[in-house]
Amino acid sequence: MLTEFHNIKKAENFSENKILIIREQLAQTPLGEIAVVIVGSIARREASEESDIDYFVVGSQEDFQASKAHLER
């Protein structure tokens, strides 16, 4: 039971750190009038080193095209 709790906390901490990094990177990126929404294991705070980053972008086609290169890094 203690190991299970440790794994849950580890995933939560990993996810929180990943979200913080993403927020910092997005704050330095000219995004126009779009929003980046993170979903999946990171959003549920269940991510691990093997997890990918699931996200979607909400905004106009023009703003997305202008921001696309920055989002793909």
C-alpha atoms as a PDB file:
ATOM      1  CA  MET A   1       0.000   0.000   0.000  1.00  0.00           C
ATOM      2  CA  LEU A   2       2.843   2.414   0.829  1.00  0.00           C
ATOM      3  CA  THR A   3       4.517   1.666  -2.516  1.00  0.00           C
ATOM      4  CA  GLU A   4       1.258   2.411  -4.334  1.00  0.00           C
ATOM      5  CA  PHE A   5       0.987   5.771  -2.534  1.00  0.00           C
ATOM      6  CA  HIS A   6       4.611   6.541  -3.419  1.00  0.00           C
ATOM      7  CA  ASN A   7       3.932   5.813  -7.109  1.00  0.00           C
ATOM      8  CA  ILE A   8       0.840   8.017  -7.090  1.00  0.00           C
ATOM      9  CA  LYS A   9       2.787  10.903  -5.522  1.00  0.00           C
ATOM     10  CA  LYS A  10       5.650  10.365  -7.972  1.00  0.00           C
ATOM     11  CA  ALA A  11       3.250  10.598 -10.942  1.00  0.00           C
ATOM     12  CA  GLU A  12       1.574  13.658  -9.448  1.00  0.00           C
ATOM     13  CA  ASN A  13       4.917  15.415  -8.918  1.00  0.00           C
ATOM     14  CA  PHE A  14       6.138  14.486 -12.403  1.00  0.00           C
ATOM     15  CA  SER A  15       2.915  15.799 -13.946  1.00  0.00           C
ATOM     16  CA  GLU A  16       3.017  19.053 -11.966  1.00  0.00           C
ATOM     17  CA  ASN A  17       6.635  19.647 -13.009  1.00  0.00           C
ATOM     18  CA  LYS A  18       5.804  18.944 -16.656  1.00  0.00           C
ATOM     19  CA  ILE A  19       2.848  21.363 -16.517  1.00  0.00           C
ATOM     20  CA  LEU A  20       5.063  24.037 -14.986  1.00  0.00           C
ATOM     21  CA  ILE A  21       7.642  23.609 -17.767  1.00  0.00           C
ATOM     22  CA  ILE A  22       4.929  23.786 -20.439  1.00  0.00           C
ATOM     23  CA  ARG A  23       3.428  26.932 -18.886  1.00  0.00           C
ATOM     24  CA  GLU A  24       6.846  28.602 -18.746  1.00  0.00           C
ATOM     25  CA  GLN A  25       7.557  27.747 -22.383  1.00  0.00           C
ATOM     26  CA  LEU A  26       4.144  28.944 -23.538  1.00  0.00           C
ATOM     27  CA  ALA A  27       4.568  32.206 -21.607  1.00  0.00           C
ATOM     28  CA  GLN A  28       7.619  32.926 -23.784  1.00  0.00           C
ATOM     29  CA  THR A  29       5.827  32.033 -27.025  1.00  0.00           C
ATOM     30  CA  PRO A  30       3.785  34.488 -29.119  1.00  0.00           C
ATOM     31  CA  LEU A  31       0.505  32.576 -29.278  1.00  0.00           C
ATOM     32  CA  GLY A  32      -1.935  35.242 -30.394  1.00  0.00           C
ATOM     33  CA  GLU A  33      -5.520  34.599 -29.369  1.00  0.00           C
ATOM     34  CA  ILE A  34      -5.329  30.843 -28.819  1.00  0.00           C
ATOM     35  CA  ALA A  35      -5.509  28.530 -25.835  1.00  0.00           C
ATOM     36  CA  VAL A  36      -3.534  25.326 -25.382  1.00  0.00           C
ATOM     37  CA  VAL A  37      -5.476  22.730 -23.381  1.00  0.00           C
ATOM     38  CA  ILE A  38      -3.581  19.794 -21.890  1.00  0.00           C
ATOM     39  CA  VAL A  39      -5.542  16.549 -21.510  1.00  0.00           C
ATOM     40  CA  GLY A  40      -4.719  12.922 -20.796  1.00  0.00           C
ATOM     41  CA  SER A  41      -2.402  11.551 -18.134  1.00  0.00           C
ATOM     42  CA  ILE A  42      -0.640  14.849 -17.474  1.00  0.00           C
ATOM     43  CA  ALA A  43      -3.955  16.641 -16.912  1.00  0.00           C
ATOM     44  CA  ARG A  44      -5.040  13.823 -14.564  1.00  0.00           C
ATOM     45  CA  ARG A  45      -1.656  14.088 -12.773  1.00  0.00           C
ATOM     46  CA  GLU A  46      -0.915  10.443 -13.645  1.00  0.00           C
ATOM     47  CA  ALA A  47       1.992  10.914 -16.086  1.00  0.00           C
ATOM     48  CA  SER A  48       5.338   9.137 -16.068  1.00  0.00           C
ATOM     49  CA  GLU A  49       8.537   9.297 -18.108  1.00  0.00           C
ATOM     50  CA  GLU A  50       6.833   7.136 -20.763  1.00  0.00           C
ATOM     51  CA  SER A  51       3.816   9.434 -21.128  1.00  0.00           C
ATOM     52  CA  ASP A  52       3.274  11.592 -24.154  1.00  0.00           C
ATOM     53  CA  ILE A  53       1.755  15.066 -24.046  1.00  0.00           C
ATOM     54  CA  ASP A  54      -1.841  15.194 -25.243  1.00  0.00           C
ATOM     55  CA  TYR A  55      -3.161  18.654 -26.024  1.00  0.00           C
ATOM     56  CA  PHE A  56      -5.477  20.572 -28.300  1.00  0.00           C
ATOM     57  CA  VAL A  57      -5.496  24.150 -29.458  1.00  0.00           C
ATOM     58  CA  VAL A  58      -8.532  26.427 -29.376  1.00  0.00           C
ATOM     59  CA  GLY A  59      -8.549  29.557 -31.507  1.00  0.00           C
ATOM     60  CA  SER A  60      -8.845  30.888 -35.013  1.00  0.00           C
ATOM     61  CA  GLN A  61      -7.126  29.219 -37.947  1.00  0.00           C
ATOM     62  CA  GLU A  62      -5.050  32.357 -38.537  1.00  0.00           C
ATOM     63  CA  ASP A  63      -3.762  32.525 -34.958  1.00  0.00           C
ATOM     64  CA  PHE A  64      -3.023  28.799 -34.988  1.00  0.00           C
ATOM     65  CA  GLN A  65      -1.014  29.034 -38.214  1.00  0.00           C
ATOM     66  CA  ALA A  66       0.955  31.975 -36.812  1.00  0.00           C
ATOM     67  CA  SER A  67       1.758  30.006 -33.628  1.00  0.00           C
ATOM     68  CA  LYS A  68       2.218  26.544 -35.164  1.00  0.00           C
ATOM     69  CA  ALA A  69       6.025  26.626 -35.398  1.00  0.00           C
ATOM     70  CA  HIS A  70       6.305  27.565 -31.724  1.00  0.00           C
ATOM     71  CA  LEU A  71       3.880  24.831 -30.623  1.00  0.00           C
ATOM     72  CA  GLU A  72       5.768  22.117 -32.499  1.00  0.00           C
ATOM     73  CA  ARG A  73       9.023  22.615 -30.581  1.00  0.00           C
END
